Amino acid sequence: FKRNVSEIEGKETRYTITAEDMRRELK
């Protein structure tokens, strides 16, 4: 599947990672 860059351009995504998330990921 292909999505044109014009549909994505200019959009921003932010992620929040907590200490608990890192602890769980690193076991």
mmCIF file of all heavy atoms, coordinates in Angstrom:
data_MODEL
# 
_entry.id   MODEL 
# 
loop_
_atom_site.group_PDB 
_atom_site.id 
_atom_site.type_symbol 
_atom_site.label_atom_id 
_atom_site.label_alt_id 
_atom_site.label_comp_id 
_atom_site.label_asym_id 
_atom_site.label_entity_id 
_atom_site.label_seq_id 
_atom_site.pdbx_PDB_ins_code 
_atom_site.Cartn_x 
_atom_site.Cartn_y 
_atom_site.Cartn_z 
_atom_site.occupancy 
_atom_site.B_iso_or_equiv 
_atom_site.pdbx_formal_charge 
_atom_site.auth_seq_id 
_atom_site.auth_comp_id 
_atom_site.auth_asym_id 
_atom_site.auth_atom_id 
_atom_site.pdbx_PDB_model_num 
ATOM 1   N N   . PHE A 1 1  ? 0.839  -1.197 0.000  1.00 0.00 ? 1  PHE A N   1 
ATOM 2   C CA  . PHE A 1 1  ? 0.000  0.000  0.000  1.00 0.00 ? 1  PHE A CA  1 
ATOM 3   C C   . PHE A 1 1  ? 0.878  1.252  0.000  1.00 0.00 ? 1  PHE A C   1 
ATOM 4   O O   . PHE A 1 1  ? 1.887  1.303  0.689  1.00 0.00 ? 1  PHE A O   1 
ATOM 5   C CB  . PHE A 1 1  ? -0.907 -0.017 1.239  1.00 0.00 ? 1  PHE A CB  1 
ATOM 6   C CG  . PHE A 1 1  ? -1.698 1.226  1.457  1.00 0.00 ? 1  PHE A CG  1 
ATOM 7   C CD1 . PHE A 1 1  ? -2.897 1.425  0.791  1.00 0.00 ? 1  PHE A CD1 1 
ATOM 8   C CD2 . PHE A 1 1  ? -1.259 2.196  2.341  1.00 0.00 ? 1  PHE A CD2 1 
ATOM 9   C CE1 . PHE A 1 1  ? -3.647 2.570  1.006  1.00 0.00 ? 1  PHE A CE1 1 
ATOM 10  C CE2 . PHE A 1 1  ? -1.990 3.340  2.559  1.00 0.00 ? 1  PHE A CE2 1 
ATOM 11  C CZ  . PHE A 1 1  ? -3.190 3.528  1.886  1.00 0.00 ? 1  PHE A CZ  1 
ATOM 12  N N   . LYS A 1 2  ? 0.502  2.263  -0.780 1.00 0.00 ? 2  LYS A N   1 
ATOM 13  C CA  . LYS A 1 2  ? 1.282  3.503  -0.845 1.00 0.00 ? 2  LYS A CA  1 
ATOM 14  C C   . LYS A 1 2  ? 0.417  4.673  -0.397 1.00 0.00 ? 2  LYS A C   1 
ATOM 15  O O   . LYS A 1 2  ? -0.751 4.766  -0.754 1.00 0.00 ? 2  LYS A O   1 
ATOM 16  C CB  . LYS A 1 2  ? 1.770  3.757  -2.269 1.00 0.00 ? 2  LYS A CB  1 
ATOM 17  C CG  . LYS A 1 2  ? 2.802  2.761  -2.736 1.00 0.00 ? 2  LYS A CG  1 
ATOM 18  C CD  . LYS A 1 2  ? 3.277  3.078  -4.133 1.00 0.00 ? 2  LYS A CD  1 
ATOM 19  C CE  . LYS A 1 2  ? 4.287  2.044  -4.604 1.00 0.00 ? 2  LYS A CE  1 
ATOM 20  N NZ  . LYS A 1 2  ? 4.770  2.305  -5.954 1.00 0.00 ? 2  LYS A NZ  1 
ATOM 21  N N   . ARG A 1 3  ? 1.005  5.574  0.392  1.00 0.00 ? 3  ARG A N   1 
ATOM 22  C CA  . ARG A 1 3  ? 0.335  6.798  0.816  1.00 0.00 ? 3  ARG A CA  1 
ATOM 23  C C   . ARG A 1 3  ? 1.182  7.963  0.327  1.00 0.00 ? 3  ARG A C   1 
ATOM 24  O O   . ARG A 1 3  ? 2.392  8.015  0.552  1.00 0.00 ? 3  ARG A O   1 
ATOM 25  C CB  . ARG A 1 3  ? 0.187  6.829  2.329  1.00 0.00 ? 3  ARG A CB  1 
ATOM 26  C CG  . ARG A 1 3  ? -0.424 8.132  2.820  1.00 0.00 ? 3  ARG A CG  1 
ATOM 27  C CD  . ARG A 1 3  ? -0.966 8.066  4.222  1.00 0.00 ? 3  ARG A CD  1 
ATOM 28  N NE  . ARG A 1 3  ? -2.222 7.316  4.164  1.00 0.00 ? 3  ARG A NE  1 
ATOM 29  C CZ  . ARG A 1 3  ? -2.604 6.455  5.081  1.00 0.00 ? 3  ARG A CZ  1 
ATOM 30  N NH1 . ARG A 1 3  ? -1.866 6.209  6.119  1.00 0.00 ? 3  ARG A NH1 1 
ATOM 31  N NH2 . ARG A 1 3  ? -3.756 5.824  4.961  1.00 0.00 ? 3  ARG A NH2 1 
ATOM 32  N N   . ASN A 1 4  ? 0.525  8.908  -0.342 1.00 0.00 ? 4  ASN A N   1 
ATOM 33  C CA  . ASN A 1 4  ? 1.196  10.083 -0.873 1.00 0.00 ? 4  ASN A CA  1 
ATOM 34  C C   . ASN A 1 4  ? 1.769  10.918 0.271  1.00 0.00 ? 4  ASN A C   1 
ATOM 35  O O   . ASN A 1 4  ? 1.117  11.082 1.308  1.00 0.00 ? 4  ASN A O   1 
ATOM 36  C CB  . ASN A 1 4  ? 0.202  10.912 -1.692 1.00 0.00 ? 4  ASN A CB  1 
ATOM 37  C CG  . ASN A 1 4  ? 0.901  11.942 -2.554 1.00 0.00 ? 4  ASN A CG  1 
ATOM 38  O OD1 . ASN A 1 4  ? 1.874  12.542 -2.147 1.00 0.00 ? 4  ASN A OD1 1 
ATOM 39  N ND2 . ASN A 1 4  ? 0.370  12.121 -3.744 1.00 0.00 ? 4  ASN A ND2 1 
ATOM 40  N N   . VAL A 1 5  ? 2.967  11.453 0.090  1.00 0.00 ? 5  VAL A N   1 
ATOM 41  C CA  . VAL A 1 5  ? 3.629  12.238 1.123  1.00 0.00 ? 5  VAL A CA  1 
ATOM 42  C C   . VAL A 1 5  ? 2.814  13.478 1.486  1.00 0.00 ? 5  VAL A C   1 
ATOM 43  O O   . VAL A 1 5  ? 2.847  13.932 2.625  1.00 0.00 ? 5  VAL A O   1 
ATOM 44  C CB  . VAL A 1 5  ? 5.062  12.624 0.672  1.00 0.00 ? 5  VAL A CB  1 
ATOM 45  C CG1 . VAL A 1 5  ? 5.685  13.648 1.595  1.00 0.00 ? 5  VAL A CG1 1 
ATOM 46  C CG2 . VAL A 1 5  ? 5.938  11.392 0.627  1.00 0.00 ? 5  VAL A CG2 1 
ATOM 47  N N   . SER A 1 6  ? 2.029  14.013 0.549  1.00 0.00 ? 6  SER A N   1 
ATOM 48  C CA  . SER A 1 6  ? 1.226  15.202 0.839  1.00 0.00 ? 6  SER A CA  1 
ATOM 49  C C   . SER A 1 6  ? 0.196  14.933 1.939  1.00 0.00 ? 6  SER A C   1 
ATOM 50  O O   . SER A 1 6  ? -0.224 15.849 2.636  1.00 0.00 ? 6  SER A O   1 
ATOM 51  C CB  . SER A 1 6  ? 0.527  15.699 -0.423 1.00 0.00 ? 6  SER A CB  1 
ATOM 52  O OG  . SER A 1 6  ? -0.385 14.732 -0.899 1.00 0.00 ? 6  SER A OG  1 
ATOM 53  N N   . GLU A 1 7  ? -0.225 13.670 2.140  1.00 0.00 ? 7  GLU A N   1 
ATOM 54  C CA  . GLU A 1 7  ? -1.149 13.314 3.212  1.00 0.00 ? 7  GLU A CA  1 
ATOM 55  C C   . GLU A 1 7  ? -0.458 13.300 4.572  1.00 0.00 ? 7  GLU A C   1 
ATOM 56  O O   . GLU A 1 7  ? -1.113 13.386 5.607  1.00 0.00 ? 7  GLU A O   1 
ATOM 57  C CB  . GLU A 1 7  ? -1.756 11.933 2.962  1.00 0.00 ? 7  GLU A CB  1 
ATOM 58  C CG  . GLU A 1 7  ? -2.602 11.818 1.735  1.00 0.00 ? 7  GLU A CG  1 
ATOM 59  C CD  . GLU A 1 7  ? -3.096 10.398 1.534  1.00 0.00 ? 7  GLU A CD  1 
ATOM 60  O OE1 . GLU A 1 7  ? -3.514 9.763  2.525  1.00 0.00 ? 7  GLU A OE1 1 
ATOM 61  O OE2 . GLU A 1 7  ? -3.055 9.927  0.387  1.00 0.00 ? 7  GLU A OE2 1 
ATOM 62  N N   . ILE A 1 8  ? 0.862  13.178 4.571  1.00 0.00 ? 8  ILE A N   1 
ATOM 63  C CA  . ILE A 1 8  ? 1.642  13.042 5.797  1.00 0.00 ? 8  ILE A CA  1 
ATOM 64  C C   . ILE A 1 8  ? 2.386  14.323 6.135  1.00 0.00 ? 8  ILE A C   1 
ATOM 65  O O   . ILE A 1 8  ? 2.576  14.654 7.307  1.00 0.00 ? 8  ILE A O   1 
ATOM 66  C CB  . ILE A 1 8  ? 2.639  11.869 5.652  1.00 0.00 ? 8  ILE A CB  1 
ATOM 67  C CG1 . ILE A 1 8  ? 1.887  10.578 5.345  1.00 0.00 ? 8  ILE A CG1 1 
ATOM 68  C CG2 . ILE A 1 8  ? 3.493  11.708 6.891  1.00 0.00 ? 8  ILE A CG2 1 
ATOM 69  C CD1 . ILE A 1 8  ? 2.771  9.446  4.900  1.00 0.00 ? 8  ILE A CD1 1 
ATOM 70  N N   . GLU A 1 9  ? 2.760  15.063 5.128  1.00 0.00 ? 9  GLU A N   1 
ATOM 71  C CA  . GLU A 1 9  ? 3.590  16.257 5.279  1.00 0.00 ? 9  GLU A CA  1 
ATOM 72  C C   . GLU A 1 9  ? 2.954  17.262 6.234  1.00 0.00 ? 9  GLU A C   1 
ATOM 73  O O   . GLU A 1 9  ? 1.768  17.546 6.173  1.00 0.00 ? 9  GLU A O   1 
ATOM 74  C CB  . GLU A 1 9  ? 3.786  16.908 3.903  1.00 0.00 ? 9  GLU A CB  1 
ATOM 75  C CG  . GLU A 1 9  ? 4.754  18.058 3.908  1.00 0.00 ? 9  GLU A CG  1 
ATOM 76  C CD  . GLU A 1 9  ? 4.973  18.591 2.500  1.00 0.00 ? 9  GLU A CD  1 
ATOM 77  O OE1 . GLU A 1 9  ? 4.087  18.412 1.648  1.00 0.00 ? 9  GLU A OE1 1 
ATOM 78  O OE2 . GLU A 1 9  ? 6.029  19.180 2.288  1.00 0.00 ? 9  GLU A OE2 1 
ATOM 79  N N   . GLY A 1 10 ? 3.760  17.762 7.165  1.00 0.00 ? 10 GLY A N   1 
ATOM 80  C CA  . GLY A 1 10 ? 3.325  18.788 8.101  1.00 0.00 ? 10 GLY A CA  1 
ATOM 81  C C   . GLY A 1 10 ? 2.665  18.264 9.360  1.00 0.00 ? 10 GLY A C   1 
ATOM 82  O O   . GLY A 1 10 ? 2.331  19.025 10.251 1.00 0.00 ? 10 GLY A O   1 
ATOM 83  N N   . LYS A 1 11 ? 2.460  16.976 9.466  1.00 0.00 ? 11 LYS A N   1 
ATOM 84  C CA  . LYS A 1 11 ? 1.842  16.407 10.662 1.00 0.00 ? 11 LYS A CA  1 
ATOM 85  C C   . LYS A 1 11 ? 2.925  15.991 11.639 1.00 0.00 ? 11 LYS A C   1 
ATOM 86  O O   . LYS A 1 11 ? 4.018  15.604 11.252 1.00 0.00 ? 11 LYS A O   1 
ATOM 87  C CB  . LYS A 1 11 ? 0.959  15.218 10.299 1.00 0.00 ? 11 LYS A CB  1 
ATOM 88  C CG  . LYS A 1 11 ? -0.241 15.640 9.477  1.00 0.00 ? 11 LYS A CG  1 
ATOM 89  C CD  . LYS A 1 11 ? -1.149 14.479 9.219  1.00 0.00 ? 11 LYS A CD  1 
ATOM 90  C CE  . LYS A 1 11 ? -2.344 14.964 8.404  1.00 0.00 ? 11 LYS A CE  1 
ATOM 91  N NZ  . LYS A 1 11 ? -3.200 13.846 8.033  1.00 0.00 ? 11 LYS A NZ  1 
ATOM 92  N N   . GLU A 1 12 ? 2.603  16.070 12.900 1.00 0.00 ? 12 GLU A N   1 
ATOM 93  C CA  . GLU A 1 12 ? 3.572  15.779 13.956 1.00 0.00 ? 12 GLU A CA  1 
ATOM 94  C C   . GLU A 1 12 ? 2.944  14.796 14.941 1.00 0.00 ? 12 GLU A C   1 
ATOM 95  O O   . GLU A 1 12 ? 1.771  14.903 15.272 1.00 0.00 ? 12 GLU A O   1 
ATOM 96  C CB  . GLU A 1 12 ? 3.918  17.079 14.683 1.00 0.00 ? 12 GLU A CB  1 
ATOM 97  C CG  . GLU A 1 12 ? 4.848  16.933 15.840 1.00 0.00 ? 12 GLU A CG  1 
ATOM 98  C CD  . GLU A 1 12 ? 5.100  18.265 16.525 1.00 0.00 ? 12 GLU A CD  1 
ATOM 99  O OE1 . GLU A 1 12 ? 5.008  19.310 15.878 1.00 0.00 ? 12 GLU A OE1 1 
ATOM 100 O OE2 . GLU A 1 12 ? 5.387  18.236 17.725 1.00 0.00 ? 12 GLU A OE2 1 
ATOM 101 N N   . THR A 1 13 ? 3.723  13.860 15.402 1.00 0.00 ? 13 THR A N   1 
ATOM 102 C CA  . THR A 1 13 ? 3.269  12.902 16.399 1.00 0.00 ? 13 THR A CA  1 
ATOM 103 C C   . THR A 1 13 ? 4.204  12.975 17.595 1.00 0.00 ? 13 THR A C   1 
ATOM 104 O O   . THR A 1 13 ? 5.413  13.046 17.433 1.00 0.00 ? 13 THR A O   1 
ATOM 105 C CB  . THR A 1 13 ? 3.292  11.467 15.825 1.00 0.00 ? 13 THR A CB  1 
ATOM 106 O OG1 . THR A 1 13 ? 2.456  11.430 14.675 1.00 0.00 ? 13 THR A OG1 1 
ATOM 107 C CG2 . THR A 1 13 ? 2.774  10.479 16.835 1.00 0.00 ? 13 THR A CG2 1 
ATOM 108 N N   . ARG A 1 14 ? 3.628  12.971 18.781 1.00 0.00 ? 14 ARG A N   1 
ATOM 109 C CA  . ARG A 1 14 ? 4.426  13.016 20.006 1.00 0.00 ? 14 ARG A CA  1 
ATOM 110 C C   . ARG A 1 14 ? 4.158  11.752 20.810 1.00 0.00 ? 14 ARG A C   1 
ATOM 111 O O   . ARG A 1 14 ? 3.037  11.275 20.877 1.00 0.00 ? 14 ARG A O   1 
ATOM 112 C CB  . ARG A 1 14 ? 4.038  14.222 20.854 1.00 0.00 ? 14 ARG A CB  1 
ATOM 113 C CG  . ARG A 1 14 ? 4.352  15.519 20.181 1.00 0.00 ? 14 ARG A CG  1 
ATOM 114 C CD  . ARG A 1 14 ? 3.995  16.677 21.085 1.00 0.00 ? 14 ARG A CD  1 
ATOM 115 N NE  . ARG A 1 14 ? 4.053  17.894 20.290 1.00 0.00 ? 14 ARG A NE  1 
ATOM 116 C CZ  . ARG A 1 14 ? 3.203  18.881 20.398 1.00 0.00 ? 14 ARG A CZ  1 
ATOM 117 N NH1 . ARG A 1 14 ? 2.229  18.828 21.263 1.00 0.00 ? 14 ARG A NH1 1 
ATOM 118 N NH2 . ARG A 1 14 ? 3.339  19.948 19.640 1.00 0.00 ? 14 ARG A NH2 1 
ATOM 119 N N   . TYR A 1 15 ? 5.187  11.230 21.422 1.00 0.00 ? 15 TYR A N   1 
ATOM 120 C CA  . TYR A 1 15 ? 5.078  10.032 22.249 1.00 0.00 ? 15 TYR A CA  1 
ATOM 121 C C   . TYR A 1 15 ? 5.590  10.357 23.641 1.00 0.00 ? 15 TYR A C   1 
ATOM 122 O O   . TYR A 1 15 ? 6.549  11.094 23.799 1.00 0.00 ? 15 TYR A O   1 
ATOM 123 C CB  . TYR A 1 15 ? 5.913  8.883  21.677 1.00 0.00 ? 15 TYR A CB  1 
ATOM 124 C CG  . TYR A 1 15 ? 5.441  8.419  20.327 1.00 0.00 ? 15 TYR A CG  1 
ATOM 125 C CD1 . TYR A 1 15 ? 6.014  8.923  19.170 1.00 0.00 ? 15 TYR A CD1 1 
ATOM 126 C CD2 . TYR A 1 15 ? 4.414  7.490  20.212 1.00 0.00 ? 15 TYR A CD2 1 
ATOM 127 C CE1 . TYR A 1 15 ? 5.585  8.507  17.930 1.00 0.00 ? 15 TYR A CE1 1 
ATOM 128 C CE2 . TYR A 1 15 ? 3.974  7.078  18.975 1.00 0.00 ? 15 TYR A CE2 1 
ATOM 129 C CZ  . TYR A 1 15 ? 4.568  7.582  17.836 1.00 0.00 ? 15 TYR A CZ  1 
ATOM 130 O OH  . TYR A 1 15 ? 4.130  7.170  16.616 1.00 0.00 ? 15 TYR A OH  1 
ATOM 131 N N   . THR A 1 16 ? 4.950  9.795  24.634 1.00 0.00 ? 16 THR A N   1 
ATOM 132 C CA  . THR A 1 16 ? 5.390  9.943  26.010 1.00 0.00 ? 16 THR A CA  1 
ATOM 133 C C   . THR A 1 16 ? 5.796  8.567  26.513 1.00 0.00 ? 16 THR A C   1 
ATOM 134 O O   . THR A 1 16 ? 5.027  7.615  26.407 1.00 0.00 ? 16 THR A O   1 
ATOM 135 C CB  . THR A 1 16 ? 4.254  10.507 26.887 1.00 0.00 ? 16 THR A CB  1 
ATOM 136 O OG1 . THR A 1 16 ? 3.836  11.754 26.353 1.00 0.00 ? 16 THR A OG1 1 
ATOM 137 C CG2 . THR A 1 16 ? 4.721  10.694 28.317 1.00 0.00 ? 16 THR A CG2 1 
ATOM 138 N N   . ILE A 1 17 ? 6.998  8.472  27.040 1.00 0.00 ? 17 ILE A N   1 
ATOM 139 C CA  . ILE A 1 17 ? 7.498  7.214  27.581 1.00 0.00 ? 17 ILE A CA  1 
ATOM 140 C C   . ILE A 1 17 ? 7.784  7.436  29.058 1.00 0.00 ? 17 ILE A C   1 
ATOM 141 O O   . ILE A 1 17 ? 8.501  8.367  29.428 1.00 0.00 ? 17 ILE A O   1 
ATOM 142 C CB  . ILE A 1 17 ? 8.784  6.766  26.851 1.00 0.00 ? 17 ILE A CB  1 
ATOM 143 C CG1 . ILE A 1 17 ? 8.481  6.530  25.378 1.00 0.00 ? 17 ILE A CG1 1 
ATOM 144 C CG2 . ILE A 1 17 ? 9.337  5.509  27.492 1.00 0.00 ? 17 ILE A CG2 1 
ATOM 145 C CD1 . ILE A 1 17 ? 9.699  6.236  24.551 1.00 0.00 ? 17 ILE A CD1 1 
ATOM 146 N N   . THR A 1 18 ? 7.212  6.595  29.897 1.00 0.00 ? 18 THR A N   1 
ATOM 147 C CA  . THR A 1 18 ? 7.411  6.720  31.334 1.00 0.00 ? 18 THR A CA  1 
ATOM 148 C C   . THR A 1 18 ? 8.539  5.800  31.792 1.00 0.00 ? 18 THR A C   1 
ATOM 149 O O   . THR A 1 18 ? 8.963  4.902  31.060 1.00 0.00 ? 18 THR A O   1 
ATOM 150 C CB  . THR A 1 18 ? 6.127  6.342  32.093 1.00 0.00 ? 18 THR A CB  1 
ATOM 151 O OG1 . THR A 1 18 ? 5.852  4.957  31.866 1.00 0.00 ? 18 THR A OG1 1 
ATOM 152 C CG2 . THR A 1 18 ? 4.940  7.187  31.639 1.00 0.00 ? 18 THR A CG2 1 
ATOM 153 N N   . ALA A 1 19 ? 8.994  6.020  32.995 1.00 0.00 ? 19 ALA A N   1 
ATOM 154 C CA  . ALA A 1 19 ? 10.025 5.153  33.576 1.00 0.00 ? 19 ALA A CA  1 
ATOM 155 C C   . ALA A 1 19 ? 9.505  3.720  33.677 1.00 0.00 ? 19 ALA A C   1 
ATOM 156 O O   . ALA A 1 19 ? 10.243 2.760  33.464 1.00 0.00 ? 19 ALA A O   1 
ATOM 157 C CB  . ALA A 1 19 ? 10.432 5.670  34.950 1.00 0.00 ? 19 ALA A CB  1 
ATOM 158 N N   . GLU A 1 20 ? 8.210  3.566  33.977 1.00 0.00 ? 20 GLU A N   1 
ATOM 159 C CA  . GLU A 1 20 ? 7.606  2.235  34.054 1.00 0.00 ? 20 GLU A CA  1 
ATOM 160 C C   . GLU A 1 20 ? 7.642  1.546  32.693 1.00 0.00 ? 20 GLU A C   1 
ATOM 161 O O   . GLU A 1 20 ? 7.917  0.355  32.609 1.00 0.00 ? 20 GLU A O   1 
ATOM 162 C CB  . GLU A 1 20 ? 6.160  2.345  34.550 1.00 0.00 ? 20 GLU A CB  1 
ATOM 163 C CG  . GLU A 1 20 ? 5.403  1.039  34.576 1.00 0.00 ? 20 GLU A CG  1 
ATOM 164 C CD  . GLU A 1 20 ? 5.955  0.023  35.561 1.00 0.00 ? 20 GLU A CD  1 
ATOM 165 O OE1 . GLU A 1 20 ? 6.675  0.413  36.495 1.00 0.00 ? 20 GLU A OE1 1 
ATOM 166 O OE2 . GLU A 1 20 ? 5.684  -1.172 35.373 1.00 0.00 ? 20 GLU A OE2 1 
ATOM 167 N N   . ASP A 1 21 ? 7.395  2.294  31.608 1.00 0.00 ? 21 ASP A N   1 
ATOM 168 C CA  . ASP A 1 21 ? 7.473  1.729  30.257 1.00 0.00 ? 21 ASP A CA  1 
ATOM 169 C C   . ASP A 1 21 ? 8.882  1.213  29.966 1.00 0.00 ? 21 ASP A C   1 
ATOM 170 O O   . ASP A 1 21 ? 9.053  0.130  29.417 1.00 0.00 ? 21 ASP A O   1 
ATOM 171 C CB  . ASP A 1 21 ? 7.102  2.779  29.200 1.00 0.00 ? 21 ASP A CB  1 
ATOM 172 C CG  . ASP A 1 21 ? 5.652  3.204  29.274 1.00 0.00 ? 21 ASP A CG  1 
ATOM 173 O OD1 . ASP A 1 21 ? 4.812  2.396  29.708 1.00 0.00 ? 21 ASP A OD1 1 
ATOM 174 O OD2 . ASP A 1 21 ? 5.369  4.360  28.887 1.00 0.00 ? 21 ASP A OD2 1 
ATOM 175 N N   . MET A 1 22 ? 9.893  2.006  30.318 1.00 0.00 ? 22 MET A N   1 
ATOM 176 C CA  . MET A 1 22 ? 11.284 1.610  30.067 1.00 0.00 ? 22 MET A CA  1 
ATOM 177 C C   . MET A 1 22 ? 11.657 0.396  30.918 1.00 0.00 ? 22 MET A C   1 
ATOM 178 O O   . MET A 1 22 ? 12.295 -0.528 30.440 1.00 0.00 ? 22 MET A O   1 
ATOM 179 C CB  . MET A 1 22 ? 12.225 2.784  30.350 1.00 0.00 ? 22 MET A CB  1 
ATOM 180 C CG  . MET A 1 22 ? 12.058 3.888  29.341 1.00 0.00 ? 22 MET A CG  1 
ATOM 181 S SD  . MET A 1 22 ? 13.027 5.392  29.529 1.00 0.00 ? 22 MET A SD  1 
ATOM 182 C CE  . MET A 1 22 ? 14.128 5.153  30.815 1.00 0.00 ? 22 MET A CE  1 
ATOM 183 N N   . ARG A 1 23 ? 11.227 0.393  32.184 1.00 0.00 ? 23 ARG A N   1 
ATOM 184 C CA  . ARG A 1 23 ? 11.526 -0.730 33.073 1.00 0.00 ? 23 ARG A CA  1 
ATOM 185 C C   . ARG A 1 23 ? 10.904 -2.014 32.530 1.00 0.00 ? 23 ARG A C   1 
ATOM 186 O O   . ARG A 1 23 ? 11.533 -3.059 32.485 1.00 0.00 ? 23 ARG A O   1 
ATOM 187 C CB  . ARG A 1 23 ? 10.986 -0.446 34.482 1.00 0.00 ? 23 ARG A CB  1 
ATOM 188 C CG  . ARG A 1 23 ? 11.392 -1.493 35.506 1.00 0.00 ? 23 ARG A CG  1 
ATOM 189 C CD  . ARG A 1 23 ? 10.653 -1.339 36.799 1.00 0.00 ? 23 ARG A CD  1 
ATOM 190 N NE  . ARG A 1 23 ? 9.239  -1.603 36.674 1.00 0.00 ? 23 ARG A NE  1 
ATOM 191 C CZ  . ARG A 1 23 ? 8.700  -2.824 36.525 1.00 0.00 ? 23 ARG A CZ  1 
ATOM 192 N NH1 . ARG A 1 23 ? 9.472  -3.880 36.482 1.00 0.00 ? 23 ARG A NH1 1 
ATOM 193 N NH2 . ARG A 1 23 ? 7.412  -2.979 36.421 1.00 0.00 ? 23 ARG A NH2 1 
ATOM 194 N N   . ARG A 1 24 ? 9.653  -1.926 32.059 1.00 0.00 ? 24 ARG A N   1 
ATOM 195 C CA  . ARG A 1 24 ? 8.969  -3.088 31.519 1.00 0.00 ? 24 ARG A CA  1 
ATOM 196 C C   . ARG A 1 24 ? 9.653  -3.563 30.240 1.00 0.00 ? 24 ARG A C   1 
ATOM 197 O O   . ARG A 1 24 ? 9.850  -4.759 30.043 1.00 0.00 ? 24 ARG A O   1 
ATOM 198 C CB  . ARG A 1 24 ? 7.502  -2.750 31.241 1.00 0.00 ? 24 ARG A CB  1 
ATOM 199 C CG  . ARG A 1 24 ? 6.666  -3.962 30.905 1.00 0.00 ? 24 ARG A CG  1 
ATOM 200 C CD  . ARG A 1 24 ? 5.207  -3.628 30.648 1.00 0.00 ? 24 ARG A CD  1 
ATOM 201 N NE  . ARG A 1 24 ? 4.581  -2.853 31.700 1.00 0.00 ? 24 ARG A NE  1 
ATOM 202 C CZ  . ARG A 1 24 ? 4.099  -1.614 31.533 1.00 0.00 ? 24 ARG A CZ  1 
ATOM 203 N NH1 . ARG A 1 24 ? 4.168  -1.013 30.374 1.00 0.00 ? 24 ARG A NH1 1 
ATOM 204 N NH2 . ARG A 1 24 ? 3.539  -0.981 32.530 1.00 0.00 ? 24 ARG A NH2 1 
ATOM 205 N N   . GLU A 1 25 ? 10.024 -2.650 29.356 1.00 0.00 ? 25 GLU A N   1 
ATOM 206 C CA  . GLU A 1 25 ? 10.658 -3.018 28.084 1.00 0.00 ? 25 GLU A CA  1 
ATOM 207 C C   . GLU A 1 25 ? 12.013 -3.683 28.311 1.00 0.00 ? 25 GLU A C   1 
ATOM 208 O O   . GLU A 1 25 ? 12.379 -4.631 27.627 1.00 0.00 ? 25 GLU A O   1 
ATOM 209 C CB  . GLU A 1 25 ? 10.819 -1.770 27.211 1.00 0.00 ? 25 GLU A CB  1 
ATOM 210 C CG  . GLU A 1 25 ? 11.430 -2.028 25.871 1.00 0.00 ? 25 GLU A CG  1 
ATOM 211 C CD  . GLU A 1 25 ? 10.546 -2.839 24.929 1.00 0.00 ? 25 GLU A CD  1 
ATOM 212 O OE1 . GLU A 1 25 ? 9.309  -2.812 25.080 1.00 0.00 ? 25 GLU A OE1 1 
ATOM 213 O OE2 . GLU A 1 25 ? 11.107 -3.518 24.047 1.00 0.00 ? 25 GLU A OE2 1 
ATOM 214 N N   . LEU A 1 26 ? 12.760 -3.189 29.300 1.00 0.00 ? 26 LEU A N   1 
ATOM 215 C CA  . LEU A 1 26 ? 14.084 -3.738 29.594 1.00 0.00 ? 26 LEU A CA  1 
ATOM 216 C C   . LEU A 1 26 ? 14.026 -4.917 30.564 1.00 0.00 ? 26 LEU A C   1 
ATOM 217 O O   . LEU A 1 26 ? 15.052 -5.476 30.930 1.00 0.00 ? 26 LEU A O   1 
ATOM 218 C CB  . LEU A 1 26 ? 14.980 -2.642 30.174 1.00 0.00 ? 26 LEU A CB  1 
ATOM 219 C CG  . LEU A 1 26 ? 15.265 -1.478 29.226 1.00 0.00 ? 26 LEU A CG  1 
ATOM 220 C CD1 . LEU A 1 26 ? 15.990 -0.358 29.955 1.00 0.00 ? 26 LEU A CD1 1 
ATOM 221 C CD2 . LEU A 1 26 ? 16.064 -1.942 28.024 1.00 0.00 ? 26 LEU A CD2 1 
ATOM 222 N N   . LYS A 1 27 ? 12.814 -5.272 30.996 1.00 0.00 ? 27 LYS A N   1 
ATOM 223 C CA  . LYS A 1 27 ? 12.597 -6.392 31.918 1.00 0.00 ? 27 LYS A CA  1 
ATOM 224 C C   . LYS A 1 27 ? 13.393 -6.236 33.211 1.00 0.00 ? 27 LYS A C   1 
ATOM 225 O O   . LYS A 1 27 ? 14.043 -7.155 33.689 1.00 0.00 ? 27 LYS A O   1 
ATOM 226 C CB  . LYS A 1 27 ? 12.901 -7.720 31.237 1.00 0.00 ? 27 LYS A CB  1 
ATOM 227 C CG  . LYS A 1 27 ? 11.969 -8.008 30.073 1.00 0.00 ? 27 LYS A CG  1 
ATOM 228 C CD  . LYS A 1 27 ? 12.362 -9.272 29.345 1.00 0.00 ? 27 LYS A CD  1 
ATOM 229 C CE  . LYS A 1 27 ? 11.440 -9.634 28.230 1.00 0.00 ? 27 LYS A CE  1 
ATOM 230 N NZ  . LYS A 1 27 ? 11.123 -8.659 27.241 1.00 0.00 ? 27 LYS A NZ  1 
# 
